[in-house]
Amino acid sequence: GLFAAELEKLCLYVGDATTISEADVRTSVRDLAESWIFDFTKALAQRQAAPALVLLRALFEQGEHPLRLLSVIARELRLLLVARDCLNGSLAGVWTPRTQYTAFRDRLLPSLSDSERETLGSLHPYVVYQCLQNASRTTANALQHGIMALQEMDVAIKSTPADPRLRLEAFVLEVCGGVRQ
C-alpha cells in the first residue's frame, strides 16, 4: 500500500513528462527503507560517527520520533554491555575480533554460561556474534557511561524545551568519538 501511494505521488509529480528522472524520484518519493534503523544502530555500535549522523538525520526526516530512537539506542547499548560481559566472562581468553562466525557458532556459543545465554534471550547467533564484535571495540565502563547518559537525556528531552534532535546528535558524537578503550 505504501509503495502504491508513493508511486502515485511520483506520477502526479512528473505529470505529463515522458521520462522520470532520478531527481524526480528523490524529490517526490519518501524513502521507505526500514532497514535504516538497523544501519544506524550498526554504525553507532561500530563507532562510525559520520554514517551514524547521516542515518540519524535521515531517520528524523523520515518522521522517527526522538524518544523512539532513544529507546533503540538504549537497547543497542544494553546488548553491547551484555556482550561485553560475555567477553569478560565465559569468552575471556578465547574470543578475538578475528574469530570467524562459524567458529563462534560451533565452539564458542555453546560455551556461554546459562545466565549469559538467558540474558541474550532469543537473539540469533549471528546477532550475538555481531554484538561481540562491536563490544570488543569498547569497555564495559564506557557502555555503562553511555547508558547513564541516555537516562539523563531521556529526562532532559521530556523536561526541557531544547531540541531533542540536537541532543541525540551530540550523544552519537560522544559515543562514536569519546568511547575508547
N, C-alpha and C. Protein backbone atom coordinates (compact mmCIF):
# COMPACT_ATOMS: atom_id res chain seq x y z
N GLY A 1 0.79 -1.18 0.00
CA GLY A 1 0.00 0.00 0.00
C GLY A 1 0.85 1.27 0.00
N LEU A 2 1.93 1.26 0.85
CA LEU A 2 2.81 2.43 0.91
C LEU A 2 3.51 2.65 -0.42
N PHE A 3 3.95 1.54 -1.03
CA PHE A 3 4.63 1.66 -2.32
C PHE A 3 3.69 2.23 -3.38
N ALA A 4 2.46 1.73 -3.41
CA ALA A 4 1.48 2.22 -4.39
C ALA A 4 1.22 3.71 -4.19
N ALA A 5 1.10 4.13 -2.95
CA ALA A 5 0.86 5.55 -2.67
C ALA A 5 2.04 6.40 -3.12
N GLU A 6 3.25 5.94 -2.88
CA GLU A 6 4.44 6.69 -3.30
C GLU A 6 4.55 6.73 -4.81
N LEU A 7 4.21 5.64 -5.47
CA LEU A 7 4.25 5.59 -6.93
C LEU A 7 3.21 6.55 -7.52
N GLU A 8 2.03 6.58 -6.94
CA GLU A 8 1.00 7.52 -7.41
C GLU A 8 1.46 8.96 -7.22
N LYS A 9 2.08 9.23 -6.08
CA LYS A 9 2.58 10.59 -5.80
C LYS A 9 3.65 10.97 -6.84
N LEU A 10 4.52 10.03 -7.19
CA LEU A 10 5.56 10.28 -8.20
C LEU A 10 4.91 10.60 -9.56
N CYS A 11 3.92 9.82 -9.94
CA CYS A 11 3.25 10.06 -11.23
C CYS A 11 2.57 11.42 -11.26
N LEU A 12 1.96 11.80 -10.17
CA LEU A 12 1.34 13.12 -10.09
C LEU A 12 2.39 14.22 -10.16
N TYR A 13 3.55 13.96 -9.54
CA TYR A 13 4.62 14.95 -9.52
C TYR A 13 5.16 15.21 -10.92
N VAL A 14 5.41 14.14 -11.70
CA VAL A 14 6.00 14.33 -13.03
C VAL A 14 4.97 14.73 -14.07
N GLY A 15 3.70 14.52 -13.79
CA GLY A 15 2.64 14.96 -14.71
C GLY A 15 2.72 14.27 -16.05
N ASP A 16 2.81 15.04 -17.12
CA ASP A 16 2.81 14.50 -18.48
C ASP A 16 4.22 14.22 -19.01
N ALA A 17 5.23 14.28 -18.16
CA ALA A 17 6.60 14.02 -18.62
C ALA A 17 6.70 12.61 -19.19
N THR A 18 7.52 12.47 -20.25
CA THR A 18 7.66 11.16 -20.88
C THR A 18 8.68 10.28 -20.16
N THR A 19 9.55 10.89 -19.38
CA THR A 19 10.52 10.12 -18.59
C THR A 19 10.51 10.61 -17.15
N ILE A 20 10.91 9.71 -16.28
CA ILE A 20 11.03 10.04 -14.86
C ILE A 20 12.51 9.95 -14.50
N SER A 21 13.06 11.03 -14.01
CA SER A 21 14.48 11.06 -13.67
C SER A 21 14.70 10.64 -12.22
N GLU A 22 15.94 10.35 -11.92
CA GLU A 22 16.31 10.03 -10.53
C GLU A 22 15.99 11.21 -9.62
N ALA A 23 16.24 12.42 -10.10
CA ALA A 23 15.95 13.62 -9.32
C ALA A 23 14.45 13.71 -9.00
N ASP A 24 13.60 13.33 -9.97
CA ASP A 24 12.16 13.32 -9.72
C ASP A 24 11.82 12.37 -8.58
N VAL A 25 12.41 11.19 -8.63
CA VAL A 25 12.15 10.18 -7.60
C VAL A 25 12.62 10.69 -6.24
N ARG A 26 13.85 11.21 -6.20
CA ARG A 26 14.40 11.70 -4.93
C ARG A 26 13.58 12.85 -4.36
N THR A 27 13.02 13.68 -5.23
CA THR A 27 12.25 14.83 -4.78
C THR A 27 10.88 14.43 -4.24
N SER A 28 10.24 13.49 -4.89
CA SER A 28 8.84 13.23 -4.54
C SER A 28 8.58 11.96 -3.73
N VAL A 29 9.47 11.00 -3.78
CA VAL A 29 9.21 9.72 -3.11
C VAL A 29 9.93 9.68 -1.77
N ARG A 30 9.17 9.36 -0.77
CA ARG A 30 9.73 9.21 0.59
C ARG A 30 10.51 7.91 0.64
N ASP A 31 11.66 7.93 1.28
CA ASP A 31 12.47 6.73 1.42
C ASP A 31 11.81 5.83 2.44
N LEU A 32 11.44 4.66 2.01
CA LEU A 32 10.73 3.73 2.89
C LEU A 32 11.63 2.64 3.43
N ALA A 33 12.92 2.85 3.37
CA ALA A 33 13.86 1.82 3.80
C ALA A 33 13.84 1.68 5.32
N GLU A 34 13.09 0.70 5.79
CA GLU A 34 13.01 0.48 7.23
C GLU A 34 14.31 -0.06 7.79
N SER A 35 15.18 -0.52 6.91
CA SER A 35 16.46 -1.03 7.39
C SER A 35 17.37 0.08 7.89
N TRP A 36 17.00 1.34 7.64
CA TRP A 36 17.83 2.46 8.10
C TRP A 36 18.07 2.40 9.59
N ILE A 37 17.09 1.98 10.35
CA ILE A 37 17.25 1.93 11.80
C ILE A 37 18.35 0.94 12.16
N PHE A 38 18.41 -0.18 11.43
CA PHE A 38 19.45 -1.18 11.68
C PHE A 38 20.81 -0.68 11.20
N ASP A 39 20.80 0.03 10.08
CA ASP A 39 22.06 0.62 9.60
C ASP A 39 22.57 1.66 10.61
N PHE A 40 21.64 2.42 11.18
CA PHE A 40 22.02 3.41 12.19
C PHE A 40 22.63 2.74 13.42
N THR A 41 21.96 1.74 13.97
CA THR A 41 22.49 1.10 15.17
C THR A 41 23.81 0.38 14.89
N LYS A 42 23.96 -0.13 13.68
CA LYS A 42 25.23 -0.78 13.31
C LYS A 42 26.35 0.27 13.28
N ALA A 43 26.10 1.40 12.66
CA ALA A 43 27.11 2.47 12.60
C ALA A 43 27.44 2.97 14.00
N LEU A 44 26.42 3.10 14.84
CA LEU A 44 26.64 3.54 16.21
C LEU A 44 27.47 2.52 16.98
N ALA A 45 27.10 1.25 16.87
CA ALA A 45 27.83 0.19 17.58
C ALA A 45 29.27 0.07 17.10
N GLN A 46 29.50 0.37 15.83
CA GLN A 46 30.85 0.31 15.27
C GLN A 46 31.58 1.64 15.42
N ARG A 47 30.92 2.59 16.08
CA ARG A 47 31.50 3.89 16.39
C ARG A 47 31.95 4.64 15.14
N GLN A 48 31.08 4.61 14.13
CA GLN A 48 31.32 5.33 12.88
C GLN A 48 30.44 6.58 12.90
N ALA A 49 31.01 7.67 13.38
CA ALA A 49 30.23 8.89 13.64
C ALA A 49 29.56 9.45 12.39
N ALA A 50 30.30 9.61 11.30
CA ALA A 50 29.72 10.25 10.11
C ALA A 50 28.52 9.47 9.57
N PRO A 51 28.66 8.16 9.32
CA PRO A 51 27.48 7.43 8.83
C PRO A 51 26.33 7.42 9.84
N ALA A 52 26.66 7.31 11.13
CA ALA A 52 25.61 7.29 12.16
C ALA A 52 24.83 8.60 12.15
N LEU A 53 25.52 9.73 12.02
CA LEU A 53 24.83 11.02 11.98
C LEU A 53 23.98 11.17 10.73
N VAL A 54 24.50 10.76 9.59
CA VAL A 54 23.74 10.85 8.35
C VAL A 54 22.46 10.02 8.47
N LEU A 55 22.59 8.80 9.00
CA LEU A 55 21.43 7.94 9.14
C LEU A 55 20.46 8.46 10.20
N LEU A 56 20.98 9.01 11.28
CA LEU A 56 20.12 9.58 12.31
C LEU A 56 19.29 10.73 11.74
N ARG A 57 19.93 11.60 10.99
CA ARG A 57 19.22 12.73 10.38
C ARG A 57 18.17 12.24 9.37
N ALA A 58 18.52 11.20 8.62
CA ALA A 58 17.56 10.63 7.67
C ALA A 58 16.37 10.04 8.41
N LEU A 59 16.62 9.41 9.54
CA LEU A 59 15.52 8.86 10.34
C LEU A 59 14.63 9.98 10.86
N PHE A 60 15.22 11.09 11.27
CA PHE A 60 14.42 12.25 11.69
C PHE A 60 13.55 12.73 10.54
N GLU A 61 14.16 12.86 9.35
CA GLU A 61 13.42 13.33 8.17
C GLU A 61 12.30 12.37 7.81
N GLN A 62 12.51 11.10 8.09
CA GLN A 62 11.53 10.07 7.79
C GLN A 62 10.38 10.09 8.80
N GLY A 63 10.54 10.88 9.85
CA GLY A 63 9.47 11.01 10.83
C GLY A 63 9.66 10.24 12.11
N GLU A 64 10.83 9.63 12.30
CA GLU A 64 11.08 8.89 13.54
C GLU A 64 11.10 9.86 14.71
N HIS A 65 10.44 9.49 15.77
CA HIS A 65 10.37 10.33 16.96
C HIS A 65 11.66 10.16 17.78
N PRO A 66 12.21 11.25 18.31
CA PRO A 66 13.45 11.15 19.10
C PRO A 66 13.36 10.18 20.27
N LEU A 67 12.22 10.08 20.91
CA LEU A 67 12.11 9.14 22.04
C LEU A 67 12.15 7.68 21.57
N ARG A 68 11.61 7.42 20.40
CA ARG A 68 11.71 6.06 19.85
C ARG A 68 13.16 5.73 19.53
N LEU A 69 13.85 6.69 18.94
CA LEU A 69 15.26 6.47 18.64
C LEU A 69 16.08 6.31 19.91
N LEU A 70 15.73 7.05 20.94
CA LEU A 70 16.39 6.92 22.23
C LEU A 70 16.25 5.49 22.76
N SER A 71 15.06 4.92 22.63
CA SER A 71 14.87 3.55 23.11
C SER A 71 15.64 2.54 22.26
N VAL A 72 15.73 2.79 20.96
CA VAL A 72 16.50 1.90 20.07
C VAL A 72 17.99 1.94 20.45
N ILE A 73 18.49 3.14 20.72
CA ILE A 73 19.89 3.30 21.12
C ILE A 73 20.13 2.61 22.47
N ALA A 74 19.19 2.78 23.39
CA ALA A 74 19.33 2.15 24.71
C ALA A 74 19.40 0.63 24.58
N ARG A 75 18.54 0.07 23.75
CA ARG A 75 18.56 -1.38 23.54
C ARG A 75 19.91 -1.82 22.98
N GLU A 76 20.41 -1.08 22.01
CA GLU A 76 21.70 -1.43 21.41
C GLU A 76 22.83 -1.39 22.44
N LEU A 77 22.86 -0.35 23.26
CA LEU A 77 23.90 -0.24 24.28
C LEU A 77 23.78 -1.35 25.32
N ARG A 78 22.55 -1.71 25.68
CA ARG A 78 22.36 -2.81 26.63
C ARG A 78 22.88 -4.12 26.05
N LEU A 79 22.58 -4.38 24.78
CA LEU A 79 23.08 -5.60 24.14
C LEU A 79 24.60 -5.60 24.10
N LEU A 80 25.19 -4.46 23.79
CA LEU A 80 26.65 -4.37 23.77
C LEU A 80 27.24 -4.61 25.16
N LEU A 81 26.56 -4.12 26.19
CA LEU A 81 27.03 -4.34 27.56
C LEU A 81 26.95 -5.82 27.93
N VAL A 82 25.88 -6.48 27.54
CA VAL A 82 25.77 -7.93 27.79
C VAL A 82 26.88 -8.67 27.04
N ALA A 83 27.11 -8.27 25.79
CA ALA A 83 28.18 -8.90 25.01
C ALA A 83 29.54 -8.65 25.66
N ARG A 84 29.74 -7.44 26.16
CA ARG A 84 31.00 -7.11 26.84
C ARG A 84 31.16 -8.00 28.08
N ASP A 85 30.07 -8.22 28.80
CA ASP A 85 30.12 -9.11 29.97
C ASP A 85 30.51 -10.53 29.56
N CYS A 86 30.01 -10.99 28.42
CA CYS A 86 30.39 -12.32 27.91
C CYS A 86 31.88 -12.36 27.58
N LEU A 87 32.37 -11.27 26.98
CA LEU A 87 33.80 -11.22 26.63
C LEU A 87 34.67 -11.26 27.88
N ASN A 88 34.17 -10.69 28.97
CA ASN A 88 34.91 -10.71 30.23
C ASN A 88 34.60 -11.95 31.05
N GLY A 89 33.60 -12.73 30.64
CA GLY A 89 33.16 -13.92 31.37
C GLY A 89 33.58 -15.19 30.65
N SER A 90 32.59 -15.91 30.14
CA SER A 90 32.83 -17.22 29.51
C SER A 90 33.78 -17.18 28.32
N LEU A 91 33.82 -16.05 27.64
CA LEU A 91 34.65 -15.97 26.42
C LEU A 91 36.02 -15.33 26.66
N ALA A 92 36.31 -15.00 27.91
CA ALA A 92 37.61 -14.38 28.22
C ALA A 92 38.74 -15.32 27.82
N GLY A 93 39.65 -14.78 27.05
CA GLY A 93 40.82 -15.56 26.63
C GLY A 93 40.61 -16.45 25.42
N VAL A 94 39.36 -16.63 24.99
CA VAL A 94 39.12 -17.48 23.82
C VAL A 94 38.56 -16.70 22.63
N TRP A 95 37.98 -15.54 22.89
CA TRP A 95 37.43 -14.70 21.81
C TRP A 95 38.47 -13.71 21.35
N THR A 96 38.57 -13.52 20.06
CA THR A 96 39.32 -12.41 19.49
C THR A 96 38.44 -11.80 18.40
N PRO A 97 38.66 -10.53 18.07
CA PRO A 97 37.87 -9.93 16.99
C PRO A 97 38.06 -10.64 15.65
N ARG A 98 39.09 -11.45 15.53
CA ARG A 98 39.33 -12.20 14.29
C ARG A 98 38.58 -13.54 14.27
N THR A 99 37.88 -13.86 15.33
CA THR A 99 37.12 -15.11 15.39
C THR A 99 36.09 -15.13 14.26
N GLN A 100 36.11 -16.20 13.50
CA GLN A 100 35.15 -16.35 12.41
C GLN A 100 33.79 -16.77 12.96
N TYR A 101 32.73 -16.41 12.24
CA TYR A 101 31.38 -16.70 12.71
C TYR A 101 31.17 -18.20 12.94
N THR A 102 31.61 -19.03 12.00
CA THR A 102 31.36 -20.47 12.15
C THR A 102 32.06 -21.02 13.40
N ALA A 103 33.28 -20.55 13.68
CA ALA A 103 33.98 -20.98 14.89
C ALA A 103 33.23 -20.51 16.13
N PHE A 104 32.73 -19.30 16.08
CA PHE A 104 31.94 -18.79 17.20
C PHE A 104 30.70 -19.66 17.41
N ARG A 105 29.96 -19.87 16.35
CA ARG A 105 28.70 -20.61 16.43
C ARG A 105 28.91 -22.04 16.92
N ASP A 106 29.95 -22.69 16.38
CA ASP A 106 30.14 -24.11 16.68
C ASP A 106 30.88 -24.37 17.99
N ARG A 107 31.86 -23.52 18.34
CA ARG A 107 32.67 -23.79 19.52
C ARG A 107 32.42 -22.84 20.69
N LEU A 108 32.30 -21.55 20.41
CA LEU A 108 32.23 -20.58 21.50
C LEU A 108 30.81 -20.35 22.02
N LEU A 109 29.84 -20.30 21.14
CA LEU A 109 28.47 -20.07 21.58
C LEU A 109 28.02 -21.12 22.60
N PRO A 110 28.30 -22.39 22.37
CA PRO A 110 27.90 -23.38 23.39
C PRO A 110 28.62 -23.21 24.73
N SER A 111 29.74 -22.51 24.74
CA SER A 111 30.49 -22.35 25.98
C SER A 111 29.99 -21.20 26.85
N LEU A 112 29.01 -20.42 26.35
CA LEU A 112 28.43 -19.35 27.16
C LEU A 112 27.74 -19.97 28.38
N SER A 113 27.82 -19.28 29.49
CA SER A 113 27.16 -19.77 30.70
C SER A 113 25.65 -19.72 30.52
N ASP A 114 24.94 -20.45 31.37
CA ASP A 114 23.48 -20.45 31.30
C ASP A 114 22.93 -19.05 31.51
N SER A 115 23.50 -18.30 32.43
CA SER A 115 22.99 -16.95 32.69
C SER A 115 23.27 -16.03 31.51
N GLU A 116 24.41 -16.19 30.85
CA GLU A 116 24.71 -15.37 29.67
C GLU A 116 23.72 -15.69 28.55
N ARG A 117 23.48 -16.98 28.33
CA ARG A 117 22.52 -17.38 27.29
C ARG A 117 21.11 -16.88 27.61
N GLU A 118 20.75 -16.94 28.88
CA GLU A 118 19.43 -16.45 29.29
C GLU A 118 19.32 -14.94 29.07
N THR A 119 20.37 -14.21 29.39
CA THR A 119 20.37 -12.76 29.20
C THR A 119 20.28 -12.39 27.73
N LEU A 120 20.93 -13.16 26.87
CA LEU A 120 20.89 -12.89 25.43
C LEU A 120 19.55 -13.29 24.83
N GLY A 121 18.82 -14.12 25.54
CA GLY A 121 17.48 -14.50 25.10
C GLY A 121 17.47 -15.21 23.77
N SER A 122 16.55 -14.79 22.93
CA SER A 122 16.33 -15.49 21.67
C SER A 122 17.05 -14.82 20.50
N LEU A 123 18.10 -14.07 20.78
CA LEU A 123 18.84 -13.44 19.69
C LEU A 123 19.44 -14.50 18.77
N HIS A 124 19.40 -14.24 17.50
CA HIS A 124 20.02 -15.14 16.52
C HIS A 124 21.52 -15.18 16.79
N PRO A 125 22.15 -16.34 16.63
CA PRO A 125 23.60 -16.42 16.87
C PRO A 125 24.43 -15.40 16.10
N TYR A 126 24.01 -15.05 14.89
CA TYR A 126 24.78 -14.06 14.13
C TYR A 126 24.67 -12.67 14.77
N VAL A 127 23.51 -12.36 15.34
CA VAL A 127 23.33 -11.09 16.03
C VAL A 127 24.24 -11.05 17.26
N VAL A 128 24.30 -12.15 17.98
CA VAL A 128 25.19 -12.25 19.15
C VAL A 128 26.64 -12.06 18.70
N TYR A 129 27.01 -12.70 17.61
CA TYR A 129 28.36 -12.59 17.06
C TYR A 129 28.69 -11.13 16.73
N GLN A 130 27.77 -10.44 16.07
CA GLN A 130 27.98 -9.04 15.73
C GLN A 130 28.10 -8.18 16.99
N CYS A 131 27.28 -8.46 17.98
CA CYS A 131 27.35 -7.73 19.25
C CYS A 131 28.72 -7.92 19.89
N LEU A 132 29.23 -9.13 19.85
CA LEU A 132 30.56 -9.40 20.42
C LEU A 132 31.64 -8.65 19.65
N GLN A 133 31.53 -8.66 18.33
CA GLN A 133 32.50 -7.92 17.51
C GLN A 133 32.50 -6.44 17.91
N ASN A 134 31.31 -5.87 18.01
CA ASN A 134 31.20 -4.45 18.33
C ASN A 134 31.59 -4.16 19.77
N ALA A 135 31.22 -5.04 20.69
CA ALA A 135 31.55 -4.84 22.11
C ALA A 135 33.05 -4.92 22.34
N SER A 136 33.74 -5.66 21.50
CA SER A 136 35.20 -5.77 21.69
C SER A 136 35.92 -4.47 21.37
N ARG A 137 35.21 -3.50 20.80
CA ARG A 137 35.79 -2.20 20.46
C ARG A 137 35.73 -1.19 21.61
N THR A 138 35.11 -1.57 22.71
CA THR A 138 34.92 -0.62 23.81
C THR A 138 34.99 -1.34 25.15
N THR A 139 34.81 -0.59 26.21
CA THR A 139 34.88 -1.17 27.55
C THR A 139 33.49 -1.19 28.18
N ALA A 140 33.33 -2.02 29.19
CA ALA A 140 32.07 -2.06 29.94
C ALA A 140 31.82 -0.70 30.59
N ASN A 141 32.86 -0.09 31.10
CA ASN A 141 32.72 1.22 31.75
C ASN A 141 32.18 2.25 30.76
N ALA A 142 32.70 2.27 29.55
CA ALA A 142 32.23 3.22 28.55
C ALA A 142 30.77 2.96 28.19
N LEU A 143 30.38 1.70 28.09
CA LEU A 143 28.99 1.37 27.78
C LEU A 143 28.06 1.76 28.93
N GLN A 144 28.50 1.52 30.15
CA GLN A 144 27.71 1.93 31.32
C GLN A 144 27.54 3.45 31.34
N HIS A 145 28.61 4.15 31.01
CA HIS A 145 28.53 5.62 30.93
C HIS A 145 27.51 6.03 29.87
N GLY A 146 27.53 5.35 28.73
CA GLY A 146 26.58 5.66 27.66
C GLY A 146 25.14 5.43 28.09
N ILE A 147 24.89 4.36 28.81
CA ILE A 147 23.54 4.06 29.28
C ILE A 147 23.08 5.12 30.28
N MET A 148 23.98 5.54 31.17
CA MET A 148 23.63 6.58 32.13
C MET A 148 23.36 7.91 31.41
N ALA A 149 24.16 8.21 30.40
CA ALA A 149 23.95 9.43 29.62
C ALA A 149 22.60 9.39 28.90
N LEU A 150 22.21 8.22 28.42
CA LEU A 150 20.90 8.09 27.79
C LEU A 150 19.77 8.34 28.78
N GLN A 151 19.95 7.84 29.99
CA GLN A 151 18.93 8.06 31.02
C GLN A 151 18.79 9.56 31.31
N GLU A 152 19.90 10.25 31.43
CA GLU A 152 19.86 11.70 31.66
C GLU A 152 19.23 12.42 30.47
N MET A 153 19.55 11.97 29.26
CA MET A 153 18.98 12.59 28.07
C MET A 153 17.48 12.35 28.01
N ASP A 154 17.03 11.19 28.39
CA ASP A 154 15.61 10.88 28.41
C ASP A 154 14.86 11.89 29.28
N VAL A 155 15.38 12.14 30.47
CA VAL A 155 14.76 13.12 31.38
C VAL A 155 14.82 14.51 30.76
N ALA A 156 15.97 14.87 30.20
CA ALA A 156 16.12 16.20 29.62
C ALA A 156 15.18 16.41 28.44
N ILE A 157 15.04 15.40 27.59
CA ILE A 157 14.15 15.53 26.43
C ILE A 157 12.70 15.75 26.88
N LYS A 158 12.33 15.05 27.96
CA LYS A 158 10.95 15.14 28.43
C LYS A 158 10.68 16.36 29.30
N SER A 159 11.74 17.04 29.77
CA SER A 159 11.51 18.12 30.72
C SER A 159 12.07 19.48 30.31
N THR A 160 12.75 19.56 29.18
CA THR A 160 13.30 20.85 28.75
C THR A 160 12.90 21.13 27.31
N PRO A 161 12.89 22.40 26.93
CA PRO A 161 12.49 22.74 25.56
C PRO A 161 13.60 22.57 24.52
N ALA A 162 14.80 22.19 24.94
CA ALA A 162 15.91 22.05 23.98
C ALA A 162 15.55 21.00 22.93
N ASP A 163 16.06 21.21 21.72
CA ASP A 163 15.78 20.32 20.60
C ASP A 163 16.33 18.92 20.86
N PRO A 164 15.47 17.90 20.95
CA PRO A 164 15.94 16.54 21.22
C PRO A 164 16.81 15.98 20.10
N ARG A 165 16.63 16.49 18.90
CA ARG A 165 17.45 16.02 17.78
C ARG A 165 18.91 16.39 18.00
N LEU A 166 19.12 17.62 18.45
CA LEU A 166 20.50 18.06 18.72
C LEU A 166 21.12 17.25 19.86
N ARG A 167 20.31 16.94 20.86
CA ARG A 167 20.81 16.13 21.98
C ARG A 167 21.23 14.74 21.48
N LEU A 168 20.41 14.15 20.64
CA LEU A 168 20.75 12.82 20.11
C LEU A 168 21.99 12.87 19.23
N GLU A 169 22.10 13.91 18.42
CA GLU A 169 23.29 14.05 17.58
C GLU A 169 24.54 14.20 18.44
N ALA A 170 24.46 15.00 19.48
CA ALA A 170 25.61 15.17 20.38
C ALA A 170 25.96 13.85 21.06
N PHE A 171 24.95 13.10 21.43
CA PHE A 171 25.19 11.80 22.04
C PHE A 171 25.90 10.86 21.07
N VAL A 172 25.44 10.83 19.83
CA VAL A 172 26.08 9.97 18.82
C VAL A 172 27.55 10.34 18.67
N LEU A 173 27.84 11.64 18.61
CA LEU A 173 29.23 12.07 18.50
C LEU A 173 30.05 11.65 19.72
N GLU A 174 29.44 11.76 20.91
CA GLU A 174 30.15 11.36 22.12
C GLU A 174 30.43 9.85 22.12
N VAL A 175 29.42 9.06 21.78
CA VAL A 175 29.59 7.60 21.78
C VAL A 175 30.60 7.18 20.72
N CYS A 176 30.49 7.75 19.55
CA CYS A 176 31.39 7.34 18.46
C CYS A 176 32.81 7.85 18.63
N GLY A 177 32.95 9.04 19.19
CA GLY A 177 34.28 9.61 19.29
C GLY A 177 34.87 9.56 20.66
N GLY A 178 34.04 9.53 21.67
CA GLY A 178 34.54 9.64 23.03
C GLY A 178 34.61 8.35 23.79
N VAL A 179 34.13 7.26 23.22
CA VAL A 179 34.13 5.99 23.93
C VAL A 179 35.27 5.13 23.37
N ARG A 180 36.37 5.18 24.04
CA ARG A 180 37.56 4.43 23.58
C ARG A 180 38.01 3.49 24.67
N GLN A 181 38.70 2.45 24.24
CA GLN A 181 39.27 1.51 25.22
C GLN A 181 40.46 2.14 25.89
